Amino acid sequence: MMEVVSKQRPKIVAIVGPTASGKTALSIALAKKFAGEIISADSRQVYRKLDLSSGKVSVSERAGVPHHLLDVVDLDTTYTAHDFKRDGEQALTDIFSRQRLPIIVGGTFMYLDTLLGRISLPPAPLDTKLRQKLENLDKESLQQQLKKLDPQRFATIDKDNPRRLIRAIEIASTLGTVPPKKDLPAKYEVYTIGLTLPSAELQERIHARIIARLQAGMVAEIQELLTTEITHSRLESLGLECRYLSRYLEGKLTYDEMVAELTLKTRQFAKRQLTWLKRDTTIHWFSPTDTEKIFSTVSNFLKD
């Protein structure tokens, strides 16, 4: 097996790209070829019972490859980037101890950057008074406040998620802005693979993925959670699928309206993901079909 923990810095492979670009399939293929284990960097897949609606890879799809940071907490728990950094570092230590290759994959790129030490997130304590004030504002007012305080964060945030808007305003009010990437000595040697597709093809894949998950039972999953675990208010804060399925189940949208809105908002989310990724000039970009080329470059990375 190729050396993963070198004499200098431990080696990590990261996979990034917009939603529906093929990150999960590639991560499993790489893990099987290079004796790897996968760390999920996804802010919703940490939640138990949020499976189809978070796009979580199923047990059968994992093909026996160990996955970390899936199903970490219950839905009534707030899981933060600080929590992810702590748990991710523990997972890395565990994987390195067995001379395996860590492969970090997921669409929450702030989590990835935080774990790899590319950005720092000094603690910004909850501000109860500020939160009470912000919770009385509508979504548009929250958006305007954040845009004024931290334009960079505003460009990439889910603008329809009041909880995230409030937290971002809270952080910006405390720290000024989310700290930028830092030019510090790297703790790990990281090879970052970016997956990219022509816009029209990506848009079609996003729609097809939504339809496939709906056909697999995504509506029933949310109905069950509403019965036993969660409220509509909490669903609004748990990502696009949860938000629009909640609105459909409340009768605010028809089924066709829900599908159309969810598709549109997911495509817009993919654009925001690409905006975030464009900041990183170290990413090596490939098409999802360039599997052999990717294998070759990862092999060379591990040999160096």
Protein backbone atom coordinates (compact mmCIF):
# COMPACT_ATOMS: atom_id res chain seq x y z
CA MET A 1 0.00 0.00 0.00
CA MET A 2 1.18 3.50 -0.81
CA GLU A 3 2.39 5.62 2.05
CA VAL A 4 -0.42 7.73 3.50
CA VAL A 5 1.32 9.03 6.61
CA SER A 6 4.57 10.43 5.23
CA LYS A 7 7.63 11.44 7.24
CA GLN A 8 6.58 15.07 6.80
CA ARG A 9 2.82 15.59 6.60
CA PRO A 10 -0.06 13.11 6.48
CA LYS A 11 -1.74 12.89 3.08
CA ILE A 12 -5.42 13.50 2.46
CA VAL A 13 -7.57 13.46 -0.67
CA ALA A 14 -10.52 15.87 -0.76
CA ILE A 15 -13.33 15.85 -3.32
CA VAL A 16 -15.37 18.99 -3.97
CA GLY A 17 -17.84 20.18 -6.58
CA PRO A 18 -21.45 21.29 -6.86
CA THR A 19 -24.33 19.10 -5.78
CA ALA A 20 -25.10 16.19 -8.15
CA SER A 21 -21.65 16.33 -9.77
CA GLY A 22 -20.71 12.78 -8.77
CA LYS A 23 -18.63 13.32 -5.63
CA THR A 24 -20.03 10.35 -3.71
CA ALA A 25 -19.49 7.78 -6.46
CA LEU A 26 -15.94 8.99 -7.03
CA SER A 27 -15.12 8.91 -3.31
CA ILE A 28 -16.17 5.26 -3.04
CA ALA A 29 -14.23 4.30 -6.17
CA LEU A 30 -11.10 6.02 -4.82
CA ALA A 31 -11.50 4.46 -1.39
CA LYS A 32 -11.75 0.97 -2.87
CA LYS A 33 -8.69 1.47 -5.08
CA PHE A 34 -6.42 3.20 -2.55
CA ALA A 35 -7.44 1.57 0.76
CA GLY A 36 -9.30 4.66 1.86
CA GLU A 37 -11.98 5.66 4.32
CA ILE A 38 -14.44 8.47 3.74
CA ILE A 39 -15.17 11.47 5.97
CA SER A 40 -18.45 13.14 5.06
CA ALA A 41 -18.28 16.94 5.10
CA ASP A 42 -21.99 17.66 4.95
CA SER A 43 -23.89 19.76 7.44
CA ARG A 44 -27.13 17.73 7.10
CA GLN A 45 -25.84 14.19 6.76
CA VAL A 46 -24.60 14.36 10.35
CA TYR A 47 -28.27 14.03 11.40
CA ARG A 48 -29.80 10.66 12.11
CA LYS A 49 -32.97 9.75 10.14
CA LEU A 50 -32.32 12.49 7.57
CA ASP A 51 -31.43 10.08 4.79
CA LEU A 52 -33.08 10.63 1.41
CA SER A 53 -33.71 14.28 2.18
CA SER A 54 -30.01 14.91 2.82
CA GLY A 55 -28.77 12.78 -0.06
CA LYS A 56 -27.00 10.44 2.37
CA VAL A 57 -25.24 7.49 0.80
CA SER A 58 -27.03 4.27 1.72
CA VAL A 59 -25.35 1.36 3.46
CA SER A 60 -25.49 -0.74 0.29
CA GLU A 61 -24.04 2.09 -1.80
CA ARG A 62 -21.08 2.36 0.59
CA ALA A 63 -19.89 -1.00 -0.76
CA GLY A 64 -18.18 -1.87 2.49
CA VAL A 65 -16.11 1.33 2.58
CA PRO A 66 -15.95 2.82 6.10
CA HIS A 67 -17.72 6.20 6.35
CA HIS A 68 -17.24 8.72 9.15
CA LEU A 69 -19.43 11.60 10.39
CA LEU A 70 -22.70 10.23 9.10
CA ASP A 71 -25.57 9.90 11.61
CA VAL A 72 -23.72 11.70 14.39
CA VAL A 73 -26.51 13.56 16.22
CA ASP A 74 -30.28 13.66 16.61
CA LEU A 75 -32.39 16.21 14.77
CA ASP A 76 -33.06 18.29 17.86
CA THR A 77 -29.32 19.02 18.23
CA THR A 78 -27.57 21.95 16.57
CA TYR A 79 -24.33 20.76 14.97
CA THR A 80 -21.74 23.42 14.13
CA ALA A 81 -18.51 23.81 12.19
CA HIS A 82 -16.67 23.68 15.52
CA ASP A 83 -18.29 20.31 16.23
CA PHE A 84 -17.28 19.08 12.80
CA LYS A 85 -13.67 20.16 13.27
CA ARG A 86 -13.48 18.30 16.57
CA ASP A 87 -15.09 15.13 15.23
CA GLY A 88 -13.25 15.33 11.92
CA GLU A 89 -9.85 15.57 13.60
CA GLN A 90 -10.70 12.51 15.70
CA ALA A 91 -11.71 10.62 12.53
CA LEU A 92 -8.46 11.61 10.80
CA THR A 93 -6.40 10.39 13.75
CA ASP A 94 -8.28 7.10 13.69
CA ILE A 95 -7.81 6.61 9.93
CA PHE A 96 -4.11 7.53 9.99
CA SER A 97 -3.52 5.15 12.89
CA ARG A 98 -4.53 2.27 10.61
CA GLN A 99 -2.42 3.51 7.67
CA ARG A 100 -5.52 4.20 5.59
CA LEU A 101 -6.13 7.10 3.22
CA PRO A 102 -8.64 9.72 4.44
CA ILE A 103 -10.94 10.93 1.66
CA ILE A 104 -13.00 13.95 2.64
CA VAL A 105 -16.07 14.53 0.49
CA GLY A 106 -19.16 16.68 0.77
CA GLY A 107 -20.86 19.90 -0.16
CA THR A 108 -20.34 21.93 3.04
CA PHE A 109 -17.07 23.50 2.03
CA MET A 110 -16.76 25.62 5.17
CA TYR A 111 -16.59 22.36 7.12
CA LEU A 112 -13.82 21.09 4.86
CA ASP A 113 -11.81 24.32 5.06
CA THR A 114 -12.19 24.43 8.83
CA LEU A 115 -11.03 20.83 9.28
CA LEU A 116 -7.99 21.37 7.06
CA GLY A 117 -7.02 24.58 8.88
CA ARG A 118 -7.65 26.82 5.88
CA ILE A 119 -9.98 29.03 7.85
CA SER A 120 -10.32 29.61 11.55
CA LEU A 121 -13.59 30.04 13.36
CA PRO A 122 -12.96 31.68 16.73
CA PRO A 123 -15.86 31.00 19.07
CA ALA A 124 -18.75 33.39 18.58
CA PRO A 125 -21.03 32.79 21.59
CA LEU A 126 -24.77 32.84 21.20
CA ASP A 127 -26.14 36.34 21.72
CA THR A 128 -29.61 35.86 23.19
CA LYS A 129 -30.64 39.52 22.96
CA LEU A 130 -29.49 39.85 19.38
CA ARG A 131 -31.21 36.59 18.43
CA GLN A 132 -34.50 37.70 19.93
CA LYS A 133 -34.31 40.88 17.90
CA LEU A 134 -33.36 39.09 14.68
CA GLU A 135 -36.04 36.43 15.03
CA ASN A 136 -38.66 39.18 14.73
CA LEU A 137 -37.33 40.22 11.32
CA ASP A 138 -38.44 38.83 7.98
CA LYS A 139 -36.11 36.99 5.65
CA GLU A 140 -35.48 39.99 3.41
CA SER A 141 -34.42 42.16 6.36
CA LEU A 142 -32.03 39.47 7.55
CA GLN A 143 -30.54 39.24 4.09
CA GLN A 144 -29.94 42.97 3.96
CA GLN A 145 -28.26 42.99 7.37
CA LEU A 146 -25.90 40.18 6.44
CA LYS A 147 -25.10 41.69 3.06
CA LYS A 148 -24.05 44.89 4.80
CA LEU A 149 -22.04 43.14 7.54
CA ASP A 150 -20.32 40.42 5.50
CA PRO A 151 -20.79 40.55 1.69
CA GLN A 152 -18.52 37.55 1.14
CA ARG A 153 -20.56 35.28 3.39
CA PHE A 154 -23.78 36.68 1.91
CA ALA A 155 -22.65 35.58 -1.57
CA THR A 156 -22.46 31.91 -0.56
CA ILE A 157 -25.06 31.44 2.17
CA ASP A 158 -28.46 29.78 1.77
CA LYS A 159 -30.45 33.03 1.62
CA ASP A 160 -33.77 31.31 2.28
CA ASN A 161 -32.67 29.83 5.62
CA PRO A 162 -33.48 32.26 8.45
CA ARG A 163 -31.57 30.21 11.04
CA ARG A 164 -28.36 30.35 9.02
CA LEU A 165 -28.85 34.03 8.25
CA ILE A 166 -29.28 34.76 11.95
CA ARG A 167 -26.19 32.77 12.91
CA ALA A 168 -24.13 34.45 10.18
CA ILE A 169 -25.24 37.90 11.40
CA GLU A 170 -24.36 36.86 14.95
CA ILE A 171 -20.86 35.77 13.87
CA ALA A 172 -20.33 38.87 11.74
CA SER A 173 -21.48 41.12 14.57
CA THR A 174 -19.01 39.45 16.95
CA LEU A 175 -16.02 38.85 14.67
CA GLY A 176 -16.55 41.35 11.87
CA THR A 177 -16.63 38.66 9.15
CA VAL A 178 -16.03 34.95 8.81
CA PRO A 179 -12.23 34.82 8.85
CA PRO A 180 -10.70 34.35 5.38
CA LYS A 181 -8.44 31.51 4.42
CA LYS A 182 -5.07 31.75 6.11
CA ASP A 183 -1.59 31.30 4.69
CA LEU A 184 -0.31 29.16 7.55
CA PRO A 185 1.94 26.12 7.49
CA ALA A 186 -0.27 23.27 6.36
CA LYS A 187 -0.82 20.44 8.82
CA TYR A 188 -1.71 18.00 6.05
CA GLU A 189 -0.67 17.44 2.47
CA VAL A 190 -3.95 17.64 0.57
CA TYR A 191 -4.80 16.79 -3.03
CA THR A 192 -8.15 18.38 -3.84
CA ILE A 193 -10.20 17.02 -6.73
CA GLY A 194 -12.91 19.27 -8.13
CA LEU A 195 -15.69 17.80 -10.28
CA THR A 196 -17.19 20.01 -12.95
CA LEU A 197 -19.82 19.60 -15.65
CA PRO A 198 -21.29 21.80 -18.38
CA SER A 199 -24.06 23.92 -16.87
CA ALA A 200 -26.90 22.32 -18.85
CA GLU A 201 -25.78 18.81 -17.91
CA LEU A 202 -25.44 19.71 -14.24
CA GLN A 203 -28.92 21.26 -14.20
CA GLU A 204 -30.39 18.12 -15.70
CA ARG A 205 -28.57 15.92 -13.19
CA ILE A 206 -29.89 18.03 -10.32
CA HIS A 207 -33.47 17.60 -11.54
CA ALA A 208 -33.04 13.87 -12.16
CA ARG A 209 -31.55 13.38 -8.70
CA ILE A 210 -34.48 15.14 -7.04
CA ILE A 211 -36.99 13.01 -8.96
CA ALA A 212 -35.13 9.80 -8.07
CA ARG A 213 -35.15 10.65 -4.37
CA LEU A 214 -38.84 11.53 -4.46
CA GLN A 215 -39.59 8.21 -6.14
CA ALA A 216 -37.51 6.45 -3.48
CA GLY A 217 -39.74 7.82 -0.70
CA MET A 218 -38.44 11.24 0.33
CA VAL A 219 -41.95 12.58 1.04
CA ALA A 220 -42.73 9.63 3.30
CA GLU A 221 -39.45 10.16 5.15
CA ILE A 222 -40.39 13.75 6.00
CA GLN A 223 -43.95 12.75 6.91
CA GLU A 224 -42.60 10.21 9.38
CA LEU A 225 -40.22 12.75 10.91
CA LEU A 226 -43.08 15.22 11.36
CA THR A 227 -45.06 12.55 13.17
CA THR A 228 -42.31 11.45 15.55
CA GLU A 229 -39.28 13.73 15.57
CA ILE A 230 -39.56 17.27 14.28
CA THR A 231 -41.60 20.39 13.55
CA HIS A 232 -42.18 22.31 10.34
CA SER A 233 -40.18 25.16 11.83
CA ARG A 234 -37.14 22.92 12.32
CA LEU A 235 -37.50 21.53 8.81
CA GLU A 236 -37.19 25.05 7.42
CA SER A 237 -33.64 25.20 8.78
CA LEU A 238 -32.50 21.79 7.54
CA GLY A 239 -31.84 22.47 3.88
CA LEU A 240 -33.73 22.82 0.65
CA GLU A 241 -35.34 19.39 0.43
CA CYS A 242 -36.67 19.58 3.99
CA ARG A 243 -37.87 23.13 3.48
CA TYR A 244 -39.86 22.56 0.30
CA LEU A 245 -41.22 19.17 1.32
CA SER A 246 -42.40 20.79 4.55
CA ARG A 247 -44.19 23.50 2.60
CA TYR A 248 -45.79 20.88 0.36
CA LEU A 249 -46.98 18.85 3.35
CA GLU A 250 -48.37 22.01 4.97
CA GLY A 251 -50.41 22.64 1.82
CA LYS A 252 -48.52 25.79 0.90
CA LEU A 253 -47.33 24.30 -2.40
CA THR A 254 -48.75 21.74 -4.80
CA TYR A 255 -46.59 18.73 -5.62
CA ASP A 256 -45.60 20.15 -9.01
CA GLU A 257 -44.85 23.55 -7.46
CA MET A 258 -42.69 21.88 -4.84
CA VAL A 259 -40.68 19.99 -7.45
CA ALA A 260 -40.22 23.11 -9.57
CA GLU A 261 -39.18 25.30 -6.63
CA LEU A 262 -36.86 22.68 -5.20
CA THR A 263 -35.18 22.18 -8.57
CA LEU A 264 -34.73 25.92 -9.10
CA LYS A 265 -33.37 26.56 -5.61
CA THR A 266 -31.01 23.58 -5.81
CA ARG A 267 -29.61 24.85 -9.10
CA GLN A 268 -29.06 28.25 -7.47
CA PHE A 269 -27.37 26.52 -4.55
CA ALA A 270 -25.00 24.78 -6.96
CA LYS A 271 -24.01 28.18 -8.33
CA ARG A 272 -23.25 29.39 -4.81
CA GLN A 273 -21.13 26.31 -4.21
CA LEU A 274 -19.08 27.11 -7.32
CA THR A 275 -18.68 30.71 -6.13
CA TRP A 276 -17.13 29.41 -2.90
CA LEU A 277 -14.87 26.96 -4.74
CA LYS A 278 -13.53 29.55 -7.18
CA ARG A 279 -11.57 31.09 -4.30
CA ASP A 280 -9.38 27.99 -4.10
CA THR A 281 -6.71 27.92 -6.79
CA THR A 282 -5.29 24.59 -5.51
CA ILE A 283 -8.24 22.55 -6.79
CA HIS A 284 -7.51 20.13 -9.66
CA TRP A 285 -10.61 20.06 -11.86
CA PHE A 286 -11.89 16.99 -13.69
CA SER A 287 -15.02 15.71 -15.37
CA PRO A 288 -16.78 12.98 -13.35
CA THR A 289 -16.08 10.61 -16.25
CA ASP A 290 -12.28 11.10 -16.00
CA THR A 291 -11.98 8.22 -13.53
CA GLU A 292 -8.75 6.70 -14.84
CA LYS A 293 -7.10 10.11 -15.09
CA ILE A 294 -8.11 10.87 -11.51
CA PHE A 295 -6.77 7.49 -10.34
CA SER A 296 -3.45 8.25 -12.03
CA THR A 297 -3.06 11.68 -10.44
CA VAL A 298 -3.98 10.38 -6.97
CA SER A 299 -1.47 7.53 -7.41
CA ASN A 300 1.25 10.06 -8.25
CA PHE A 301 0.27 12.19 -5.27
CA LEU A 302 0.61 9.26 -2.90
CA LYS A 303 3.96 8.23 -4.35
CA ASP A 304 5.59 11.65 -3.88
